[in-house]
Amino acid sequence: MNWDAIGAIGEMLGAPVVVITLVYLAVQIRYARNATIDQNRLARSSAVRELILATMENDERRNGQMRHWGLDKYYEELAKELGITSVEARETSGETSIFSGCIGANGVQQTIQMTYEI
């Protein structure tokens, strides 16, 4: 057997290995891309969660958001329907809260913690 024959056998064995390697790399790139997309989605959802918690815990910010979104009329109608003041309708904590802790700052925080298992 001469060196040309050995070289030809090496090329025949090497070609499928190169193809298998390229397929493996393509699969790994797909998994890496999906992992990056998931990390990006998680970072965005964490930022939204933090914004919601900050809004729920800060009365001035919450009231500003309510005014910005035009919810004043909604809370006035809700207060009228429930027989409470519009200030009580806007509260998210305390005994007079219509949310009774389930949507208040503590309730949101507990729900988020249970959802994301923080």
Foldseek 3Di string as FASTA:
>chain_A
DDPVVVVVVVVVVVVVVVVVVVVVVVVVVVVVVVVVVVVVVVVVVVVVLVVVLVLLVDPVSVVVVCVVVVCQVVLCVVCVVVVHHSVLDSHQDDPSHPVDLCPHSNNSVVVVCVVVVD
